[in-house]
Structure formats: structure tokens, C-alpha cells
């Protein structure tokens, strides 16, 4: 596992010392939450600021034991939750290729920053940390990414993620789609072709395309 790059390390150190982050820390002290404390910033460990060329914003981490490990949609136990299964279905429909590995670390290593709207969630309670301060943290992340000279691709999945579009510089590319949750996937996630759309943009930017499949 890569350690935090100097850039992300300095950025996170600065954010956790701000007043708003105390509200996050207070909320975490009071409950059991996922992912574990040492995995909250896993996405930043695996995808450096310099290498980031795609950002995926999901909703919040999986809220059951043995699932969340700091990368949006990814699990380590290779038992994909239903939202991840729907991602796999769209990969096959969109690219013609198959993915079965539920651990998305390979995406992170290719420059895909896998973030959720909230970086933590209370055990067994979806969306439970939506209002504790992570929105301000993620705005700060976007502000930093706006400093990159080369455009990057933001994939915003679901209504909460789409709200982040207003913070994204117009030099970047934004792809919006429905969240792949079983409750919403059939209302616009399937056939969204987000994977080939992203690779087409990367090709136009002379960036290496993402291998989304196994």
C-alpha cells in the first residue's frame, strides 16, 4: 500500500485542524462506524494528487461489518453488495468486458480517486453521517483538484454527488448518473455508459484509459 503523498498528507493535516473537523471527530467518538479509523483516508493513500485523472463520487460507505475499506463501492471480502453488482452489470453492458473482483484497488492505482459523499457511516445506518461535516471536507478536496492544470473527469453518482457539480471548475469534465443502488439503478444508471464515456475523454486528453474490468 502506498503511503499518503506529501500533497494529500499536507492537505489532510490542514483540514483535520480546522474547526469543522471537530464536529466530525465528535460524531465518530460517539458511535461504531465504518470504515475503520485507519482506512478513512484510504483513497488518498492509493491515488496521489498528481496521478488523479478520474474522481468517482458515490454516496456513503457500506454500513455492515466487513465491507467498507475506504474506497467508494469497493469491498475486500469479494462479496459484492448489490450496488457493486450493478456496477459490474454496467461494465459488461458498456464495455463488453467482465469484472468479478469486488476490490477496486486496481482502479485507485490507475488514477481513479474513489470517494464517497461521506467518508464514514454509522454501523447499520445508511446516510447517518451526511450532516456531520464531510460535505465541507469534500468541497475542500474539489477545491484542491480544481488547481490541477490538466482536466480530470468527475463521475457523480446519485443526487447527493450531483450537488458537488457546482464546486467543480468548468475546465474539468463532469459525467452525472443515477446511483447504482438497487432502488434507483433501473432509473438511469443502466445504459449510462459512464465507463466508455470516461475513457473516450481520457483518450482525447492523451491520458491512459482505465481498465475497468478484471
C-alpha atoms as a PDB file:
ATOM      1  CA  UNK A   1       0.000   0.000   0.000  1.00  0.00           C
ATOM      2  CA  UNK A   2       1.267   3.453  -0.869  1.00  0.00           C
ATOM      3  CA  UNK A   3       1.628   5.978   1.893  1.00  0.00           C
ATOM      4  CA  UNK A   4      -0.103   9.320   1.598  1.00  0.00           C
ATOM      5  CA  UNK A   5       1.707  11.502  -0.907  1.00  0.00           C
ATOM      6  CA  UNK A   6       3.182  14.661   0.550  1.00  0.00           C
ATOM      7  CA  UNK A   7       0.462  16.666  -1.167  1.00  0.00           C
ATOM      8  CA  UNK A   8      -2.505  14.757   0.299  1.00  0.00           C
ATOM      9  CA  UNK A   9      -0.755  14.386   3.646  1.00  0.00           C
ATOM     10  CA  UNK A  10      -0.307  18.134   3.950  1.00  0.00           C
ATOM     11  CA  UNK A  11      -3.855  18.760   2.753  1.00  0.00           C
ATOM     12  CA  UNK A  12      -5.482  16.349   5.231  1.00  0.00           C
ATOM     13  CA  UNK A  13      -3.311  17.590   8.082  1.00  0.00           C
ATOM     14  CA  UNK A  14      -4.518  21.114   7.361  1.00  0.00           C
ATOM     15  CA  UNK A  15      -8.200  20.072   7.186  1.00  0.00           C
ATOM     16  CA  UNK A  16      -8.280  17.992  10.364  1.00  0.00           C
ATOM     17  CA  UNK A  17      -7.017  21.014  12.301  1.00  0.00           C
ATOM     18  CA  UNK A  18      -9.936  23.185  11.199  1.00  0.00           C
ATOM     19  CA  UNK A  19     -12.929  23.861  13.422  1.00  0.00           C
ATOM     20  CA  UNK A  20     -15.430  21.981  11.260  1.00  0.00           C
ATOM     21  CA  UNK A  21     -13.456  18.757  11.575  1.00  0.00           C
ATOM     22  CA  UNK A  22     -14.005  18.732  15.329  1.00  0.00           C
ATOM     23  CA  UNK A  23     -17.689  18.083  14.640  1.00  0.00           C
ATOM     24  CA  UNK A  24     -16.688  15.045  12.593  1.00  0.00           C
ATOM     25  CA  UNK A  25     -14.413  13.777  15.348  1.00  0.00           C
ATOM     26  CA  UNK A  26     -17.117  14.309  17.986  1.00  0.00           C
ATOM     27  CA  UNK A  27     -19.598  12.273  15.934  1.00  0.00           C
ATOM     28  CA  UNK A  28     -17.125   9.425  15.424  1.00  0.00           C
ATOM     29  CA  UNK A  29     -16.345   9.194  19.140  1.00  0.00           C
ATOM     30  CA  UNK A  30     -19.999   8.560  19.906  1.00  0.00           C
ATOM     31  CA  UNK A  31     -20.632   5.535  17.685  1.00  0.00           C
ATOM     32  CA  UNK A  32     -19.382   2.424  15.955  1.00  0.00           C
ATOM     33  CA  UNK A  33     -18.614   3.382  12.369  1.00  0.00           C
ATOM     34  CA  UNK A  34     -17.166   2.170   9.092  1.00  0.00           C
ATOM     35  CA  UNK A  35     -14.593   2.076   7.654  1.00  0.00           C
ATOM     36  CA  UNK A  36     -12.094   1.586  10.455  1.00  0.00           C
ATOM     37  CA  UNK A  37     -10.194   4.658  11.557  1.00  0.00           C
ATOM     38  CA  UNK A  38      -7.018   3.704   9.694  1.00  0.00           C
ATOM     39  CA  UNK A  39      -8.962   3.283   6.429  1.00  0.00           C
ATOM     40  CA  UNK A  40     -10.947   6.536   6.349  1.00  0.00           C
ATOM     41  CA  UNK A  41      -8.408   8.197   4.039  1.00  0.00           C
ATOM     42  CA  UNK A  42      -7.502   5.053   2.085  1.00  0.00           C
ATOM     43  CA  UNK A  43      -8.462   6.613  -1.255  1.00  0.00           C
ATOM     44  CA  UNK A  44      -5.840   9.318  -0.734  1.00  0.00           C
ATOM     45  CA  UNK A  45      -3.191   6.733   0.156  1.00  0.00           C
ATOM     46  CA  UNK A  46      -3.729   4.838  -3.075  1.00  0.00           C
ATOM     47  CA  UNK A  47      -4.314   7.694  -5.518  1.00  0.00           C
ATOM     48  CA  UNK A  48      -1.929  10.614  -5.300  1.00  0.00           C
ATOM     49  CA  UNK A  49      -2.969  14.149  -6.177  1.00  0.00           C
ATOM     50  CA  UNK A  50      -0.537  14.100  -9.074  1.00  0.00           C
ATOM     51  CA  UNK A  51      -1.907  10.843 -10.528  1.00  0.00           C
ATOM     52  CA  UNK A  52      -5.611  11.633 -10.151  1.00  0.00           C
ATOM     53  CA  UNK A  53      -7.320  11.752 -13.533  1.00  0.00           C
ATOM     54  CA  UNK A  54     -10.796  10.459 -12.618  1.00  0.00           C
ATOM     55  CA  UNK A  55     -12.860  11.093  -9.483  1.00  0.00           C
ATOM     56  CA  UNK A  56     -15.849   8.914  -8.633  1.00  0.00           C
ATOM     57  CA  UNK A  57     -18.225  10.249  -6.010  1.00  0.00           C
ATOM     58  CA  UNK A  58     -20.590   7.687  -4.524  1.00  0.00           C
ATOM     59  CA  UNK A  59     -22.978   8.094  -1.602  1.00  0.00           C
ATOM     60  CA  UNK A  60     -21.627   6.807   1.717  1.00  0.00           C
ATOM     61  CA  UNK A  61     -19.585   3.769   2.778  1.00  0.00           C
ATOM     62  CA  UNK A  62     -21.204   0.375   3.184  1.00  0.00           C
ATOM     63  CA  UNK A  63     -22.610   0.191   6.693  1.00  0.00           C
ATOM     64  CA  UNK A  64     -22.252  -3.501   7.524  1.00  0.00           C
ATOM     65  CA  UNK A  65     -19.220  -5.236   9.020  1.00  0.00           C
ATOM     66  CA  UNK A  66     -16.520  -6.473   6.670  1.00  0.00           C
ATOM     67  CA  UNK A  67     -17.443  -4.264   3.732  1.00  0.00           C
ATOM     68  CA  UNK A  68     -16.162  -0.661   3.682  1.00  0.00           C
ATOM     69  CA  UNK A  69     -12.414  -0.137   3.423  1.00  0.00           C
ATOM     70  CA  UNK A  70     -12.110   3.470   2.343  1.00  0.00           C
ATOM     71  CA  UNK A  71     -12.718   3.216  -1.409  1.00  0.00           C
ATOM     72  CA  UNK A  72     -16.167   4.035  -2.792  1.00  0.00           C
ATOM     73  CA  UNK A  73     -18.107   0.902  -3.827  1.00  0.00           C
ATOM     74  CA  UNK A  74     -15.165  -1.402  -3.072  1.00  0.00           C
ATOM     75  CA  UNK A  75     -15.092  -4.360  -0.663  1.00  0.00           C
ATOM     76  CA  UNK A  76     -12.249  -6.641   0.398  1.00  0.00           C
ATOM     77  CA  UNK A  77     -14.210  -9.841   1.036  1.00  0.00           C
ATOM     78  CA  UNK A  78     -15.168 -10.295  -2.637  1.00  0.00           C
ATOM     79  CA  UNK A  79     -18.848 -10.494  -1.698  1.00  0.00           C
ATOM     80  CA  UNK A  80     -20.102  -7.560  -3.781  1.00  0.00           C
ATOM     81  CA  UNK A  81     -23.097  -5.672  -2.393  1.00  0.00           C
ATOM     82  CA  UNK A  82     -25.942  -5.086  -4.797  1.00  0.00           C
ATOM     83  CA  UNK A  83     -24.807  -1.618  -5.847  1.00  0.00           C
ATOM     84  CA  UNK A  84     -21.421  -3.050  -6.833  1.00  0.00           C
ATOM     85  CA  UNK A  85     -23.106  -5.908  -8.680  1.00  0.00           C
ATOM     86  CA  UNK A  86     -24.969  -3.276 -10.680  1.00  0.00           C
ATOM     87  CA  UNK A  87     -21.656  -1.579 -11.452  1.00  0.00           C
ATOM     88  CA  UNK A  88     -20.401  -4.909 -12.780  1.00  0.00           C
ATOM     89  CA  UNK A  89     -23.508  -5.256 -14.944  1.00  0.00           C
ATOM     90  CA  UNK A  90     -22.972  -1.830 -16.464  1.00  0.00           C
ATOM     91  CA  UNK A  91     -19.288  -2.566 -17.113  1.00  0.00           C
ATOM     92  CA  UNK A  92     -20.300  -5.647 -19.099  1.00  0.00           C
ATOM     93  CA  UNK A  93     -23.081  -3.841 -20.957  1.00  0.00           C
ATOM     94  CA  UNK A  94     -20.923  -0.786 -21.667  1.00  0.00           C
ATOM     95  CA  UNK A  95     -17.534  -2.335 -22.485  1.00  0.00           C
ATOM     96  CA  UNK A  96     -18.344  -5.940 -23.314  1.00  0.00           C
ATOM     97  CA  UNK A  97     -15.811  -6.994 -20.670  1.00  0.00           C
ATOM     98  CA  UNK A  98     -16.408  -8.757 -17.346  1.00  0.00           C
ATOM     99  CA  UNK A  99     -15.426  -7.727 -13.837  1.00  0.00           C
ATOM    100  CA  UNK A 100     -15.829 -10.040 -10.862  1.00  0.00           C
ATOM    101  CA  UNK A 101     -13.264  -8.658  -8.389  1.00  0.00           C
ATOM    102  CA  UNK A 102     -15.069  -6.595  -5.732  1.00  0.00           C
ATOM    103  CA  UNK A 103     -11.834  -4.955  -4.561  1.00  0.00           C
ATOM    104  CA  UNK A 104     -11.434  -1.801  -6.663  1.00  0.00           C
ATOM    105  CA  UNK A 105      -7.872  -1.062  -5.574  1.00  0.00           C
ATOM    106  CA  UNK A 106      -6.735  -1.557  -9.185  1.00  0.00           C
ATOM    107  CA  UNK A 107      -8.912   1.402 -10.213  1.00  0.00           C
ATOM    108  CA  UNK A 108      -7.319   3.539  -7.492  1.00  0.00           C
ATOM    109  CA  UNK A 109      -3.863   2.537  -8.698  1.00  0.00           C
ATOM    110  CA  UNK A 110      -4.772   3.692 -12.204  1.00  0.00           C
ATOM    111  CA  UNK A 111      -5.622   7.211 -11.041  1.00  0.00           C
ATOM    112  CA  UNK A 112      -9.281   6.886 -10.045  1.00  0.00           C
ATOM    113  CA  UNK A 113      -9.935   8.683  -6.751  1.00  0.00           C
ATOM    114  CA  UNK A 114     -12.791   6.670  -5.221  1.00  0.00           C
ATOM    115  CA  UNK A 115     -14.626   8.956  -2.819  1.00  0.00           C
ATOM    116  CA  UNK A 116     -17.955   8.940  -1.063  1.00  0.00           C
ATOM    117  CA  UNK A 117     -20.029  11.972  -0.143  1.00  0.00           C
ATOM    118  CA  UNK A 118     -19.383  10.987   3.476  1.00  0.00           C
ATOM    119  CA  UNK A 119     -16.179   9.183   4.374  1.00  0.00           C
ATOM    120  CA  UNK A 120     -17.752   7.381   7.330  1.00  0.00           C
ATOM    121  CA  UNK A 121     -21.117   5.880   8.249  1.00  0.00           C
ATOM    122  CA  UNK A 122     -22.655   4.700  11.500  1.00  0.00           C
ATOM    123  CA  UNK A 123     -22.906   0.932  11.814  1.00  0.00           C
ATOM    124  CA  UNK A 124     -26.153  -0.388  10.244  1.00  0.00           C
ATOM    125  CA  UNK A 125     -27.413   3.137   9.439  1.00  0.00           C
ATOM    126  CA  UNK A 126     -27.097   4.357   5.863  1.00  0.00           C
ATOM    127  CA  UNK A 127     -26.637   8.123   5.364  1.00  0.00           C
ATOM    128  CA  UNK A 128     -26.177   8.565   9.119  1.00  0.00           C
ATOM    129  CA  UNK A 129     -23.104  10.815   8.774  1.00  0.00           C
ATOM    130  CA  UNK A 130     -24.415  13.007   5.985  1.00  0.00           C
ATOM    131  CA  UNK A 131     -24.561  16.128   8.148  1.00  0.00           C
ATOM    132  CA  UNK A 132     -21.515  15.840  10.394  1.00  0.00           C
ATOM    133  CA  UNK A 133     -19.119  17.842   8.202  1.00  0.00           C
ATOM    134  CA  UNK A 134     -17.866  15.607   5.414  1.00  0.00           C
ATOM    135  CA  UNK A 135     -19.540  17.866   2.863  1.00  0.00           C
ATOM    136  CA  UNK A 136     -17.100  20.626   3.795  1.00  0.00           C
ATOM    137  CA  UNK A 137     -14.160  18.242   3.609  1.00  0.00           C
ATOM    138  CA  UNK A 138     -15.129  17.066   0.128  1.00  0.00           C
ATOM    139  CA  UNK A 139     -15.622  20.627  -1.050  1.00  0.00           C
ATOM    140  CA  UNK A 140     -12.059  21.276   0.067  1.00  0.00           C
ATOM    141  CA  UNK A 141     -10.920  18.209  -1.899  1.00  0.00           C
ATOM    142  CA  UNK A 142     -12.632  19.537  -5.018  1.00  0.00           C
ATOM    143  CA  UNK A 143     -11.083  22.964  -4.468  1.00  0.00           C
ATOM    144  CA  UNK A 144      -7.666  21.304  -4.443  1.00  0.00           C
ATOM    145  CA  UNK A 145      -8.380  19.264  -7.564  1.00  0.00           C
ATOM    146  CA  UNK A 146      -9.509  22.430  -9.312  1.00  0.00           C
ATOM    147  CA  UNK A 147      -5.880  23.570  -9.040  1.00  0.00           C
ATOM    148  CA  UNK A 148      -4.723  20.817 -11.384  1.00  0.00           C
ATOM    149  CA  UNK A 149      -3.725  22.237 -14.743  1.00  0.00           C
ATOM    150  CA  UNK A 150      -4.849  19.219 -16.730  1.00  0.00           C
ATOM    151  CA  UNK A 151      -8.595  18.473 -16.845  1.00  0.00           C
ATOM    152  CA  UNK A 152      -9.903  15.465 -14.969  1.00  0.00           C
ATOM    153  CA  UNK A 153     -13.171  13.536 -15.184  1.00  0.00           C
ATOM    154  CA  UNK A 154     -15.674  13.669 -12.335  1.00  0.00           C
ATOM    155  CA  UNK A 155     -18.284  10.895 -12.243  1.00  0.00           C
ATOM    156  CA  UNK A 156     -21.112  11.921  -9.927  1.00  0.00           C
ATOM    157  CA  UNK A 157     -23.382   9.017  -8.950  1.00  0.00           C
ATOM    158  CA  UNK A 158     -26.684   9.908  -7.324  1.00  0.00           C
ATOM    159  CA  UNK A 159     -28.341  13.153  -6.256  1.00  0.00           C
ATOM    160  CA  UNK A 160     -26.009  13.869  -3.335  1.00  0.00           C
ATOM    161  CA  UNK A 161     -22.984  13.511  -5.589  1.00  0.00           C
ATOM    162  CA  UNK A 162     -24.539  15.647  -8.325  1.00  0.00           C
ATOM    163  CA  UNK A 163     -24.764  18.522  -5.856  1.00  0.00           C
ATOM    164  CA  UNK A 164     -20.961  18.690  -5.924  1.00  0.00           C
ATOM    165  CA  UNK A 165     -21.012  19.794  -9.568  1.00  0.00           C
ATOM    166  CA  UNK A 166     -21.362  23.444  -8.523  1.00  0.00           C
ATOM    167  CA  UNK A 167     -17.906  23.337  -6.932  1.00  0.00           C
ATOM    168  CA  UNK A 168     -16.129  21.802  -9.928  1.00  0.00           C
ATOM    169  CA  UNK A 169     -14.190  24.076 -12.276  1.00  0.00           C
ATOM    170  CA  UNK A 170     -15.553  24.249 -15.820  1.00  0.00           C
ATOM    171  CA  UNK A 171     -12.163  23.130 -17.145  1.00  0.00           C
ATOM    172  CA  UNK A 172     -12.955  19.631 -15.884  1.00  0.00           C
ATOM    173  CA  UNK A 173     -15.383  17.092 -17.322  1.00  0.00           C
ATOM    174  CA  UNK A 174     -18.498  16.043 -15.411  1.00  0.00           C
ATOM    175  CA  UNK A 175     -20.479  12.868 -16.021  1.00  0.00           C
ATOM    176  CA  UNK A 176     -23.670  12.572 -13.989  1.00  0.00           C
ATOM    177  CA  UNK A 177     -25.674   9.409 -13.493  1.00  0.00           C
ATOM    178  CA  UNK A 178     -28.145   7.726 -11.180  1.00  0.00           C
ATOM    179  CA  UNK A 179     -26.687   5.880  -8.202  1.00  0.00           C
ATOM    180  CA  UNK A 180     -26.301   2.126  -8.867  1.00  0.00           C
ATOM    181  CA  UNK A 181     -28.361   1.259  -5.793  1.00  0.00           C
ATOM    182  CA  UNK A 182     -30.997  -1.440  -6.427  1.00  0.00           C
ATOM    183  CA  UNK A 183     -33.608   1.212  -5.650  1.00  0.00           C
ATOM    184  CA  UNK A 184     -32.513   3.519  -8.442  1.00  0.00           C
ATOM    185  CA  UNK A 185     -30.244   1.745 -10.937  1.00  0.00           C
ATOM    186  CA  UNK A 186     -33.058   0.973 -13.370  1.00  0.00           C
ATOM    187  CA  UNK A 187     -33.988   4.664 -13.496  1.00  0.00           C
ATOM    188  CA  UNK A 188     -30.914   5.780 -15.407  1.00  0.00           C
ATOM    189  CA  UNK A 189     -27.763   4.054 -14.211  1.00  0.00           C
ATOM    190  CA  UNK A 190     -28.063   1.117 -16.549  1.00  0.00           C
ATOM    191  CA  UNK A 191     -27.041   2.089 -20.079  1.00  0.00           C
ATOM    192  CA  UNK A 192     -25.418   5.289 -18.778  1.00  0.00           C
ATOM    193  CA  UNK A 193     -22.170   4.152 -20.442  1.00  0.00           C
ATOM    194  CA  UNK A 194     -20.107   6.041 -17.890  1.00  0.00           C
ATOM    195  CA  UNK A 195     -17.075   3.793 -18.375  1.00  0.00           C
ATOM    196  CA  UNK A 196     -16.675   4.207 -22.139  1.00  0.00           C
ATOM    197  CA  UNK A 197     -17.573   7.918 -21.868  1.00  0.00           C
ATOM    198  CA  UNK A 198     -14.775   8.382 -19.352  1.00  0.00           C
ATOM    199  CA  UNK A 199     -12.238   6.505 -21.439  1.00  0.00           C
ATOM    200  CA  UNK A 200     -13.176   8.500 -24.533  1.00  0.00           C
ATOM    201  CA  UNK A 201     -12.440  11.727 -22.654  1.00  0.00           C
ATOM    202  CA  UNK A 202      -9.147  10.364 -21.296  1.00  0.00           C
ATOM    203  CA  UNK A 203      -8.105   9.350 -24.808  1.00  0.00           C
ATOM    204  CA  UNK A 204      -8.857  12.875 -26.061  1.00  0.00           C
ATOM    205  CA  UNK A 205      -6.680  14.214 -23.212  1.00  0.00           C
ATOM    206  CA  UNK A 206      -3.844  11.843 -24.188  1.00  0.00           C
ATOM    207  CA  UNK A 207      -4.229  10.037 -20.879  1.00  0.00           C
ATOM    208  CA  UNK A 208      -4.081   6.275 -20.486  1.00  0.00           C
ATOM    209  CA  UNK A 209      -7.570   4.795 -20.428  1.00  0.00           C
ATOM    210  CA  UNK A 210      -8.864   2.994 -17.322  1.00  0.00           C
ATOM    211  CA  UNK A 211      -9.101  -0.782 -17.371  1.00  0.00           C
ATOM    212  CA  UNK A 212     -12.432  -1.182 -15.600  1.00  0.00           C
ATOM    213  CA  UNK A 213     -12.638  -4.946 -15.979  1.00  0.00           C
ATOM    214  CA  UNK A 214     -10.624  -7.832 -14.477  1.00  0.00           C
END
